[in-house]
């Protein structure tokens, strides 16, 4: 399983460990990923996603999963999140019509 947030696309970053003698060795910084279950109001179901804590805070700040997905561009989302966004958009369009 890749270490990438399914909502924000946040992945690993590369940097250096720096010793007291200023020796540099490569290291990776991994995102803080959590397995969470988020509720979709439009679909009426719960969805399990692997989300970074930063992404989770963004979802809560924007008023839930549905609002956040509809505001976010498809480039940052995983395939699973894009499908979820499409389903939510169809459901909202059907309710509005």
N, C-alpha and C. Protein backbone atom coordinates (compact mmCIF):
# COMPACT_ATOMS: atom_id res chain seq x y z
N UNK A 1 0.84 -1.17 0.00
CA UNK A 1 0.00 0.00 0.00
C UNK A 1 0.89 1.24 0.00
N UNK A 2 0.63 2.15 -0.93
CA UNK A 2 1.47 3.33 -1.02
C UNK A 2 1.16 4.31 0.11
N UNK A 3 2.16 5.07 0.48
CA UNK A 3 2.01 6.01 1.58
C UNK A 3 1.63 7.38 1.04
N UNK A 4 0.43 7.44 0.45
CA UNK A 4 -0.09 8.68 -0.12
C UNK A 4 -1.50 8.89 0.38
N UNK A 5 -1.80 10.11 0.78
CA UNK A 5 -3.14 10.46 1.24
C UNK A 5 -4.11 10.37 0.07
N UNK A 6 -5.25 9.71 0.26
CA UNK A 6 -6.21 9.55 -0.83
C UNK A 6 -6.97 10.83 -1.13
N UNK A 7 -6.98 11.77 -0.22
CA UNK A 7 -7.71 13.01 -0.45
C UNK A 7 -6.82 14.16 -0.91
N UNK A 8 -5.69 14.36 -0.28
CA UNK A 8 -4.85 15.51 -0.61
C UNK A 8 -3.70 15.17 -1.53
N UNK A 9 -3.36 13.90 -1.68
CA UNK A 9 -2.23 13.51 -2.52
C UNK A 9 -0.89 13.71 -1.83
N UNK A 10 -0.91 14.03 -0.56
CA UNK A 10 0.33 14.25 0.19
C UNK A 10 1.07 12.92 0.31
N UNK A 11 2.35 12.93 -0.06
CA UNK A 11 3.17 11.72 -0.03
C UNK A 11 4.44 11.93 0.75
N UNK A 12 5.40 11.03 0.54
CA UNK A 12 6.65 11.14 1.29
C UNK A 12 7.51 12.25 0.72
N UNK A 13 8.34 12.83 1.58
CA UNK A 13 9.31 13.83 1.17
C UNK A 13 10.69 13.34 1.54
N UNK A 14 11.69 13.83 0.82
CA UNK A 14 13.07 13.38 1.04
C UNK A 14 13.88 14.55 1.60
N UNK A 15 14.74 14.24 2.56
CA UNK A 15 15.58 15.27 3.16
C UNK A 15 16.85 14.65 3.71
N UNK A 16 17.47 15.33 4.66
CA UNK A 16 18.72 14.87 5.24
C UNK A 16 18.63 14.80 6.76
N UNK A 17 19.30 13.80 7.33
CA UNK A 17 19.67 13.85 8.74
C UNK A 17 20.97 14.63 8.80
N UNK A 18 21.05 15.60 9.69
CA UNK A 18 22.26 16.41 9.80
C UNK A 18 22.86 16.20 11.19
N UNK A 19 24.08 15.70 11.23
CA UNK A 19 24.73 15.43 12.51
C UNK A 19 25.36 16.71 13.06
N UNK A 20 25.90 16.60 14.27
CA UNK A 20 26.57 17.74 14.90
C UNK A 20 27.79 18.16 14.08
N UNK A 21 28.42 17.19 13.40
CA UNK A 21 29.58 17.48 12.55
C UNK A 21 29.15 17.92 11.14
N UNK A 22 27.86 18.15 10.97
CA UNK A 22 27.27 18.60 9.71
C UNK A 22 27.38 17.56 8.60
N UNK A 23 27.46 16.25 8.98
CA UNK A 23 27.38 15.18 8.00
C UNK A 23 25.92 15.00 7.61
N UNK A 24 25.67 14.79 6.32
CA UNK A 24 24.30 14.66 5.84
C UNK A 24 24.06 13.27 5.28
N UNK A 25 22.99 12.63 5.73
CA UNK A 25 22.59 11.34 5.20
C UNK A 25 21.13 11.43 4.79
N UNK A 26 20.78 10.74 3.73
CA UNK A 26 19.42 10.78 3.20
C UNK A 26 18.44 10.15 4.18
N UNK A 27 17.22 10.69 4.19
CA UNK A 27 16.14 10.12 4.97
C UNK A 27 14.83 10.50 4.32
N UNK A 28 13.74 9.87 4.73
CA UNK A 28 12.43 10.20 4.20
C UNK A 28 11.53 10.68 5.33
N UNK A 29 10.65 11.60 4.99
CA UNK A 29 9.62 12.08 5.91
C UNK A 29 8.30 11.54 5.41
N UNK A 30 7.64 10.72 6.22
CA UNK A 30 6.38 10.10 5.81
C UNK A 30 5.20 10.88 6.36
N UNK A 31 4.10 10.97 5.60
CA UNK A 31 2.92 11.66 6.12
C UNK A 31 2.26 10.83 7.20
N UNK A 32 1.54 11.51 8.08
CA UNK A 32 0.83 10.85 9.17
C UNK A 32 -0.51 10.35 8.64
N UNK A 33 -0.52 9.12 8.12
CA UNK A 33 -1.72 8.55 7.52
C UNK A 33 -2.54 7.78 8.55
N UNK A 34 -3.85 7.95 8.46
CA UNK A 34 -4.77 7.26 9.36
C UNK A 34 -5.86 6.60 8.52
N UNK A 35 -6.31 5.43 8.93
CA UNK A 35 -7.46 4.79 8.32
C UNK A 35 -8.70 5.33 9.00
N UNK A 36 -9.54 6.04 8.25
CA UNK A 36 -10.72 6.67 8.83
C UNK A 36 -11.96 6.28 8.05
N UNK A 37 -13.10 6.37 8.70
CA UNK A 37 -14.39 6.17 8.08
C UNK A 37 -15.11 7.51 8.08
N UNK A 38 -15.37 8.04 6.89
CA UNK A 38 -16.03 9.33 6.76
C UNK A 38 -17.44 9.12 6.23
N UNK A 39 -18.38 9.91 6.70
CA UNK A 39 -19.77 9.81 6.28
C UNK A 39 -20.04 10.74 5.10
N UNK A 40 -20.72 10.22 4.10
CA UNK A 40 -21.15 11.02 2.96
C UNK A 40 -22.63 11.30 3.14
N UNK A 41 -22.99 12.58 3.29
CA UNK A 41 -24.39 12.94 3.48
C UNK A 41 -25.21 12.71 2.22
N UNK A 42 -24.64 13.00 1.06
CA UNK A 42 -25.37 12.86 -0.19
C UNK A 42 -25.67 11.39 -0.51
N UNK A 43 -24.67 10.53 -0.30
CA UNK A 43 -24.85 9.11 -0.62
C UNK A 43 -25.52 8.35 0.52
N UNK A 44 -25.43 8.88 1.72
CA UNK A 44 -26.02 8.21 2.87
C UNK A 44 -25.24 6.98 3.31
N UNK A 45 -23.96 6.94 3.00
CA UNK A 45 -23.13 5.79 3.37
C UNK A 45 -21.84 6.29 4.02
N UNK A 46 -21.13 5.34 4.59
CA UNK A 46 -19.81 5.66 5.14
C UNK A 46 -18.75 5.10 4.19
N UNK A 47 -17.60 5.80 4.14
CA UNK A 47 -16.53 5.45 3.22
C UNK A 47 -15.24 5.32 4.01
N UNK A 48 -14.51 4.21 3.80
CA UNK A 48 -13.21 4.03 4.45
C UNK A 48 -12.13 4.56 3.54
N UNK A 49 -11.29 5.46 4.08
CA UNK A 49 -10.21 6.07 3.31
C UNK A 49 -8.94 6.10 4.14
N UNK A 50 -7.80 6.18 3.47
CA UNK A 50 -6.50 6.36 4.14
C UNK A 50 -6.10 7.81 3.96
N UNK A 51 -6.23 8.59 5.02
CA UNK A 51 -6.14 10.04 4.93
C UNK A 51 -5.07 10.55 5.88
N UNK A 52 -4.34 11.59 5.46
CA UNK A 52 -3.39 12.25 6.36
C UNK A 52 -4.18 13.08 7.37
N UNK A 53 -3.57 13.35 8.49
CA UNK A 53 -4.25 14.15 9.51
C UNK A 53 -4.50 15.56 8.99
N UNK A 54 -3.61 16.07 8.15
CA UNK A 54 -3.82 17.38 7.53
C UNK A 54 -5.07 17.35 6.64
N UNK A 55 -5.24 16.28 5.88
CA UNK A 55 -6.42 16.13 5.02
C UNK A 55 -7.69 16.01 5.83
N UNK A 56 -7.61 15.32 6.95
CA UNK A 56 -8.77 15.15 7.82
C UNK A 56 -9.21 16.48 8.40
N UNK A 57 -8.24 17.30 8.81
CA UNK A 57 -8.56 18.64 9.32
C UNK A 57 -9.20 19.51 8.23
N UNK A 58 -8.72 19.36 6.99
CA UNK A 58 -9.29 20.12 5.88
C UNK A 58 -10.73 19.72 5.62
N UNK A 59 -11.01 18.43 5.69
CA UNK A 59 -12.37 17.95 5.48
C UNK A 59 -13.30 18.50 6.56
N UNK A 60 -12.88 18.46 7.81
CA UNK A 60 -13.70 18.97 8.90
C UNK A 60 -13.89 20.48 8.78
N UNK A 61 -12.86 21.20 8.33
CA UNK A 61 -12.95 22.65 8.19
C UNK A 61 -13.95 23.06 7.11
N UNK A 62 -14.06 22.26 6.04
CA UNK A 62 -14.96 22.58 4.94
C UNK A 62 -16.37 22.03 5.11
N UNK A 63 -16.66 21.46 6.23
CA UNK A 63 -18.03 21.02 6.50
C UNK A 63 -18.38 19.64 6.03
N UNK A 64 -17.43 18.74 5.99
CA UNK A 64 -17.73 17.36 5.65
C UNK A 64 -17.10 16.91 4.35
N UNK A 65 -17.19 15.62 4.12
CA UNK A 65 -16.56 14.99 2.96
C UNK A 65 -17.16 15.49 1.65
N UNK A 66 -18.47 15.60 1.58
CA UNK A 66 -19.13 16.00 0.33
C UNK A 66 -18.69 17.39 -0.11
N UNK A 67 -18.73 18.35 0.79
CA UNK A 67 -18.34 19.73 0.46
C UNK A 67 -16.88 19.79 0.04
N UNK A 68 -16.02 19.07 0.76
CA UNK A 68 -14.59 19.12 0.47
C UNK A 68 -14.28 18.52 -0.91
N UNK A 69 -14.90 17.38 -1.22
CA UNK A 69 -14.65 16.74 -2.51
C UNK A 69 -15.11 17.61 -3.67
N UNK A 70 -16.27 18.26 -3.53
CA UNK A 70 -16.79 19.07 -4.62
C UNK A 70 -15.95 20.32 -4.85
N UNK A 71 -15.24 20.81 -3.82
CA UNK A 71 -14.39 22.00 -3.95
C UNK A 71 -13.00 21.67 -4.47
N UNK A 72 -12.55 20.42 -4.34
CA UNK A 72 -11.18 20.04 -4.67
C UNK A 72 -11.06 19.64 -6.14
N UNK A 73 -9.92 19.98 -6.75
CA UNK A 73 -9.69 19.59 -8.14
C UNK A 73 -9.36 18.10 -8.22
N UNK A 74 -9.63 17.50 -9.37
CA UNK A 74 -9.42 16.07 -9.55
C UNK A 74 -7.94 15.69 -9.57
N UNK A 75 -7.06 16.63 -9.83
CA UNK A 75 -5.63 16.31 -9.96
C UNK A 75 -5.04 15.81 -8.65
N UNK A 76 -5.53 16.30 -7.51
CA UNK A 76 -4.99 15.90 -6.22
C UNK A 76 -5.60 14.61 -5.67
N UNK A 77 -6.73 14.20 -6.20
CA UNK A 77 -7.46 13.07 -5.63
C UNK A 77 -6.99 11.73 -6.20
N UNK A 78 -7.15 10.69 -5.39
CA UNK A 78 -6.87 9.34 -5.87
C UNK A 78 -8.03 8.89 -6.76
N UNK A 79 -7.85 7.78 -7.45
CA UNK A 79 -8.88 7.26 -8.34
C UNK A 79 -10.16 6.97 -7.56
N UNK A 80 -10.01 6.39 -6.38
CA UNK A 80 -11.16 6.05 -5.55
C UNK A 80 -11.92 7.30 -5.10
N UNK A 81 -11.18 8.35 -4.75
CA UNK A 81 -11.80 9.60 -4.32
C UNK A 81 -12.48 10.30 -5.50
N UNK A 82 -11.89 10.21 -6.71
CA UNK A 82 -12.53 10.80 -7.89
C UNK A 82 -13.84 10.13 -8.21
N UNK A 83 -13.89 8.81 -8.07
CA UNK A 83 -15.14 8.08 -8.29
C UNK A 83 -16.19 8.48 -7.27
N UNK A 84 -15.75 8.64 -6.03
CA UNK A 84 -16.65 9.07 -4.96
C UNK A 84 -17.18 10.47 -5.25
N UNK A 85 -16.32 11.36 -5.71
CA UNK A 85 -16.72 12.73 -6.06
C UNK A 85 -17.76 12.71 -7.18
N UNK A 86 -17.53 11.87 -8.19
CA UNK A 86 -18.46 11.77 -9.31
C UNK A 86 -19.83 11.27 -8.85
N UNK A 87 -19.85 10.27 -7.96
CA UNK A 87 -21.10 9.74 -7.45
C UNK A 87 -21.86 10.80 -6.64
N UNK A 88 -21.13 11.56 -5.85
CA UNK A 88 -21.75 12.61 -5.03
C UNK A 88 -22.33 13.70 -5.93
N UNK A 89 -21.61 14.09 -6.99
CA UNK A 89 -22.09 15.10 -7.91
C UNK A 89 -23.35 14.64 -8.63
N UNK A 90 -23.38 13.37 -9.04
CA UNK A 90 -24.57 12.82 -9.71
C UNK A 90 -25.76 12.83 -8.77
N UNK A 91 -25.54 12.44 -7.52
CA UNK A 91 -26.61 12.37 -6.54
C UNK A 91 -27.18 13.76 -6.26
N UNK A 92 -26.27 14.77 -6.12
CA UNK A 92 -26.73 16.14 -5.86
C UNK A 92 -27.48 16.70 -7.06
N UNK A 93 -27.03 16.35 -8.29
CA UNK A 93 -27.71 16.83 -9.50
C UNK A 93 -29.09 16.19 -9.62
N UNK A 94 -29.21 14.93 -9.24
CA UNK A 94 -30.51 14.25 -9.30
C UNK A 94 -31.49 14.83 -8.29
N UNK A 95 -30.98 15.21 -7.12
CA UNK A 95 -31.84 15.79 -6.09
C UNK A 95 -32.28 17.19 -6.51
N UNK A 96 -31.37 17.95 -7.15
CA UNK A 96 -31.67 19.32 -7.55
C UNK A 96 -32.66 19.34 -8.72
N UNK A 97 -32.66 18.31 -9.55
CA UNK A 97 -33.54 18.29 -10.74
C UNK A 97 -34.94 17.82 -10.41
